[in-house]
Amino acid sequence: MKTRTSHRDIEKLLDTIDLSTLEVDDPEDLRRIGRAKHALRDAEAELRAAVAASRATGRSWGLIGIVLGISKQAAQQRYGETSRPKGPSD
């Protein structure tokens, strides 16, 4: 089972690294990667919510695709209800 690692957990882990064994003296670059990963996850969630809200107001997949810079089919496949991950019963 995959567990979600929080930003605080990553920060704590980075604080435990013995820097003398690494060729870098500051893990800030690694912290930056962690922050970017979490920001990307949050941005993807916001994008999905924005697409859902747009669909709820009656916007077409064609218009949404134009804004996203992809085809209407790609927008529907990526953000439509059928794009949800399938569970064991699906």
N, C-alpha and C. Protein backbone atom coordinates (compact mmCIF):
# COMPACT_ATOMS: atom_id res chain seq x y z
N MET A 1 0.84 -1.18 0.00
CA MET A 1 0.00 0.00 0.00
C MET A 1 0.89 1.24 0.00
N LYS A 2 0.59 2.16 -0.87
CA LYS A 2 1.38 3.38 -1.00
C LYS A 2 0.92 4.40 0.04
N THR A 3 1.87 4.96 0.78
CA THR A 3 1.54 5.98 1.76
C THR A 3 1.99 7.34 1.26
N ARG A 4 1.27 8.36 1.66
CA ARG A 4 1.60 9.72 1.24
C ARG A 4 2.59 10.32 2.23
N THR A 5 3.67 10.87 1.71
CA THR A 5 4.67 11.50 2.54
C THR A 5 4.38 12.99 2.58
N SER A 6 4.31 13.53 3.79
CA SER A 6 4.01 14.95 3.92
C SER A 6 5.28 15.78 3.75
N HIS A 7 5.06 17.05 3.50
CA HIS A 7 6.18 17.99 3.36
C HIS A 7 7.00 18.02 4.65
N ARG A 8 6.32 17.98 5.79
CA ARG A 8 7.02 18.00 7.08
C ARG A 8 7.87 16.74 7.26
N ASP A 9 7.33 15.59 6.82
CA ASP A 9 8.10 14.35 6.92
C ASP A 9 9.38 14.44 6.09
N ILE A 10 9.27 15.02 4.91
CA ILE A 10 10.44 15.16 4.05
C ILE A 10 11.46 16.11 4.69
N GLU A 11 10.97 17.21 5.24
CA GLU A 11 11.87 18.15 5.92
C GLU A 11 12.59 17.47 7.07
N LYS A 12 11.87 16.67 7.87
CA LYS A 12 12.49 15.96 8.99
C LYS A 12 13.55 14.98 8.49
N LEU A 13 13.24 14.27 7.42
CA LEU A 13 14.20 13.32 6.85
C LEU A 13 15.46 14.04 6.38
N LEU A 14 15.29 15.16 5.70
CA LEU A 14 16.45 15.91 5.21
C LEU A 14 17.29 16.44 6.37
N ASP A 15 16.65 16.76 7.48
CA ASP A 15 17.40 17.24 8.64
C ASP A 15 18.24 16.13 9.28
N THR A 16 17.91 14.88 9.02
CA THR A 16 18.67 13.76 9.62
C THR A 16 19.84 13.30 8.74
N ILE A 17 19.94 13.83 7.53
CA ILE A 17 21.01 13.40 6.63
C ILE A 17 22.36 13.89 7.13
N ASP A 18 23.31 12.98 7.17
CA ASP A 18 24.68 13.34 7.55
C ASP A 18 25.35 13.95 6.32
N LEU A 19 25.47 15.27 6.32
CA LEU A 19 25.99 15.99 5.17
C LEU A 19 27.44 15.66 4.87
N SER A 20 28.17 15.15 5.86
CA SER A 20 29.58 14.84 5.62
C SER A 20 29.74 13.67 4.65
N THR A 21 28.69 12.88 4.46
CA THR A 21 28.78 11.74 3.53
C THR A 21 28.35 12.13 2.12
N LEU A 22 27.86 13.32 1.96
CA LEU A 22 27.39 13.77 0.65
C LEU A 22 28.40 14.73 0.03
N GLU A 23 28.30 14.87 -1.26
CA GLU A 23 29.18 15.81 -1.95
C GLU A 23 28.58 17.22 -1.98
N VAL A 24 27.47 17.41 -1.31
CA VAL A 24 26.87 18.73 -1.19
C VAL A 24 26.88 19.12 0.27
N ASP A 25 26.90 20.41 0.53
CA ASP A 25 26.95 20.85 1.92
C ASP A 25 25.62 21.39 2.42
N ASP A 26 24.64 21.52 1.55
CA ASP A 26 23.36 22.05 1.95
C ASP A 26 22.27 21.33 1.15
N PRO A 27 21.31 20.70 1.82
CA PRO A 27 20.26 19.97 1.10
C PRO A 27 19.15 20.86 0.54
N GLU A 28 19.40 22.17 0.42
CA GLU A 28 18.36 23.07 -0.07
C GLU A 28 17.86 22.66 -1.45
N ASP A 29 18.74 22.16 -2.30
CA ASP A 29 18.30 21.72 -3.63
C ASP A 29 17.33 20.56 -3.51
N LEU A 30 17.54 19.67 -2.55
CA LEU A 30 16.63 18.56 -2.34
C LEU A 30 15.31 19.05 -1.75
N ARG A 31 15.40 20.01 -0.84
CA ARG A 31 14.18 20.60 -0.28
C ARG A 31 13.36 21.27 -1.39
N ARG A 32 14.04 21.91 -2.31
CA ARG A 32 13.37 22.57 -3.43
C ARG A 32 12.60 21.55 -4.27
N ILE A 33 13.21 20.39 -4.52
CA ILE A 33 12.53 19.33 -5.27
C ILE A 33 11.26 18.91 -4.53
N GLY A 34 11.37 18.72 -3.23
CA GLY A 34 10.20 18.34 -2.43
C GLY A 34 9.10 19.38 -2.48
N ARG A 35 9.47 20.65 -2.37
CA ARG A 35 8.47 21.72 -2.45
C ARG A 35 7.80 21.75 -3.82
N ALA A 36 8.60 21.58 -4.87
CA ALA A 36 8.05 21.59 -6.23
C ALA A 36 7.10 20.43 -6.44
N LYS A 37 7.45 19.25 -5.91
CA LYS A 37 6.58 18.07 -6.04
C LYS A 37 5.24 18.32 -5.38
N HIS A 38 5.25 18.88 -4.19
CA HIS A 38 4.00 19.17 -3.50
C HIS A 38 3.20 20.27 -4.19
N ALA A 39 3.89 21.28 -4.69
CA ALA A 39 3.20 22.35 -5.42
C ALA A 39 2.55 21.80 -6.69
N LEU A 40 3.23 20.89 -7.36
CA LEU A 40 2.68 20.28 -8.57
C LEU A 40 1.43 19.47 -8.24
N ARG A 41 1.48 18.70 -7.16
CA ARG A 41 0.31 17.92 -6.73
C ARG A 41 -0.86 18.85 -6.43
N ASP A 42 -0.59 19.94 -5.71
CA ASP A 42 -1.64 20.89 -5.36
C ASP A 42 -2.19 21.58 -6.61
N ALA A 43 -1.31 21.93 -7.55
CA ALA A 43 -1.75 22.59 -8.78
C ALA A 43 -2.61 21.65 -9.62
N GLU A 44 -2.25 20.38 -9.68
CA GLU A 44 -3.04 19.40 -10.44
C GLU A 44 -4.42 19.25 -9.82
N ALA A 45 -4.49 19.23 -8.50
CA ALA A 45 -5.79 19.14 -7.83
C ALA A 45 -6.64 20.38 -8.13
N GLU A 46 -6.02 21.54 -8.11
CA GLU A 46 -6.74 22.78 -8.42
C GLU A 46 -7.22 22.78 -9.88
N LEU A 47 -6.37 22.30 -10.79
CA LEU A 47 -6.76 22.24 -12.20
C LEU A 47 -7.95 21.31 -12.39
N ARG A 48 -7.93 20.15 -11.75
CA ARG A 48 -9.05 19.22 -11.85
C ARG A 48 -10.33 19.85 -11.30
N ALA A 49 -10.22 20.56 -10.18
CA ALA A 49 -11.38 21.23 -9.59
C ALA A 49 -11.90 22.33 -10.51
N ALA A 50 -10.99 23.08 -11.13
CA ALA A 50 -11.39 24.15 -12.04
C ALA A 50 -12.09 23.60 -13.27
N VAL A 51 -11.59 22.50 -13.81
CA VAL A 51 -12.23 21.87 -14.97
C VAL A 51 -13.61 21.36 -14.58
N ALA A 52 -13.73 20.73 -13.43
CA ALA A 52 -15.03 20.23 -12.97
C ALA A 52 -16.02 21.37 -12.80
N ALA A 53 -15.57 22.49 -12.23
CA ALA A 53 -16.44 23.65 -12.05
C ALA A 53 -16.86 24.23 -13.40
N SER A 54 -15.94 24.27 -14.32
CA SER A 54 -16.25 24.77 -15.65
C SER A 54 -17.28 23.88 -16.35
N ARG A 55 -17.10 22.57 -16.23
CA ARG A 55 -18.08 21.64 -16.80
C ARG A 55 -19.44 21.80 -16.14
N ALA A 56 -19.45 22.05 -14.82
CA ALA A 56 -20.70 22.20 -14.08
C ALA A 56 -21.48 23.43 -14.54
N THR A 57 -20.77 24.43 -15.07
CA THR A 57 -21.46 25.62 -15.58
C THR A 57 -21.87 25.45 -17.04
N GLY A 58 -21.54 24.28 -17.62
CA GLY A 58 -21.97 24.00 -18.99
C GLY A 58 -20.93 24.23 -20.06
N ARG A 59 -19.71 24.51 -19.68
CA ARG A 59 -18.65 24.70 -20.69
C ARG A 59 -18.38 23.39 -21.42
N SER A 60 -18.09 23.51 -22.69
CA SER A 60 -17.84 22.31 -23.50
C SER A 60 -16.40 21.85 -23.33
N TRP A 61 -16.19 20.56 -23.64
CA TRP A 61 -14.83 20.02 -23.62
C TRP A 61 -13.98 20.74 -24.66
N GLY A 62 -14.59 21.19 -25.75
CA GLY A 62 -13.85 21.92 -26.77
C GLY A 62 -13.25 23.21 -26.23
N LEU A 63 -14.06 23.99 -25.51
CA LEU A 63 -13.56 25.25 -24.93
C LEU A 63 -12.50 24.97 -23.86
N ILE A 64 -12.75 23.98 -23.04
CA ILE A 64 -11.77 23.63 -22.00
C ILE A 64 -10.46 23.19 -22.65
N GLY A 65 -10.56 22.39 -23.70
CA GLY A 65 -9.37 21.95 -24.42
C GLY A 65 -8.58 23.11 -25.00
N ILE A 66 -9.29 24.11 -25.53
CA ILE A 66 -8.61 25.29 -26.08
C ILE A 66 -7.79 25.98 -24.99
N VAL A 67 -8.40 26.18 -23.82
CA VAL A 67 -7.70 26.84 -22.72
C VAL A 67 -6.48 26.02 -22.27
N LEU A 68 -6.62 24.70 -22.28
CA LEU A 68 -5.53 23.83 -21.86
C LEU A 68 -4.48 23.61 -22.94
N GLY A 69 -4.82 23.99 -24.17
CA GLY A 69 -3.89 23.78 -25.28
C GLY A 69 -3.84 22.34 -25.76
N ILE A 70 -4.96 21.63 -25.56
CA ILE A 70 -5.06 20.24 -26.01
C ILE A 70 -6.40 20.05 -26.72
N SER A 71 -6.58 18.93 -27.35
CA SER A 71 -7.84 18.68 -28.04
C SER A 71 -8.97 18.44 -27.05
N LYS A 72 -10.20 18.58 -27.53
CA LYS A 72 -11.34 18.33 -26.64
C LYS A 72 -11.35 16.87 -26.18
N GLN A 73 -10.94 15.97 -27.07
CA GLN A 73 -10.89 14.56 -26.69
C GLN A 73 -9.86 14.32 -25.58
N ALA A 74 -8.70 14.95 -25.71
CA ALA A 74 -7.66 14.80 -24.69
C ALA A 74 -8.13 15.39 -23.36
N ALA A 75 -8.81 16.53 -23.40
CA ALA A 75 -9.32 17.15 -22.18
C ALA A 75 -10.33 16.23 -21.50
N GLN A 76 -11.23 15.67 -22.28
CA GLN A 76 -12.25 14.79 -21.72
C GLN A 76 -11.63 13.52 -21.15
N GLN A 77 -10.66 12.96 -21.87
CA GLN A 77 -9.99 11.75 -21.38
C GLN A 77 -9.24 12.02 -20.09
N ARG A 78 -8.57 13.16 -20.02
CA ARG A 78 -7.73 13.45 -18.86
C ARG A 78 -8.54 13.90 -17.65
N TYR A 79 -9.61 14.68 -17.88
CA TYR A 79 -10.32 15.30 -16.77
C TYR A 79 -11.78 14.89 -16.63
N GLY A 80 -12.26 14.05 -17.53
CA GLY A 80 -13.64 13.59 -17.45
C GLY A 80 -13.83 12.55 -16.36
N GLU A 81 -15.09 12.28 -16.05
CA GLU A 81 -15.39 11.32 -14.99
C GLU A 81 -14.82 9.94 -15.30
N THR A 82 -14.75 9.57 -16.55
CA THR A 82 -14.23 8.25 -16.89
C THR A 82 -12.72 8.16 -16.73
N SER A 83 -12.06 9.30 -16.45
CA SER A 83 -10.60 9.28 -16.29
C SER A 83 -10.18 8.93 -14.87
N ARG A 84 -11.16 8.72 -13.98
CA ARG A 84 -10.79 8.39 -12.60
C ARG A 84 -10.10 7.03 -12.57
N PRO A 85 -9.17 6.88 -11.62
CA PRO A 85 -8.49 5.59 -11.51
C PRO A 85 -9.48 4.47 -11.23
N LYS A 86 -9.29 3.34 -11.87
CA LYS A 86 -10.19 2.22 -11.69
C LYS A 86 -9.78 1.42 -10.46
N GLY A 87 -10.77 1.04 -9.67
CA GLY A 87 -10.53 0.23 -8.49
C GLY A 87 -10.67 -1.24 -8.81
N PRO A 88 -10.50 -2.09 -7.82
CA PRO A 88 -10.56 -3.53 -8.04
C PRO A 88 -11.93 -4.00 -8.56
N SER A 89 -12.99 -3.28 -8.22
CA SER A 89 -14.33 -3.70 -8.66
C SER A 89 -14.69 -3.20 -10.05
N ASP A 90 -13.86 -2.34 -10.64
CA ASP A 90 -14.16 -1.78 -11.97
C ASP A 90 -13.76 -2.74 -13.07
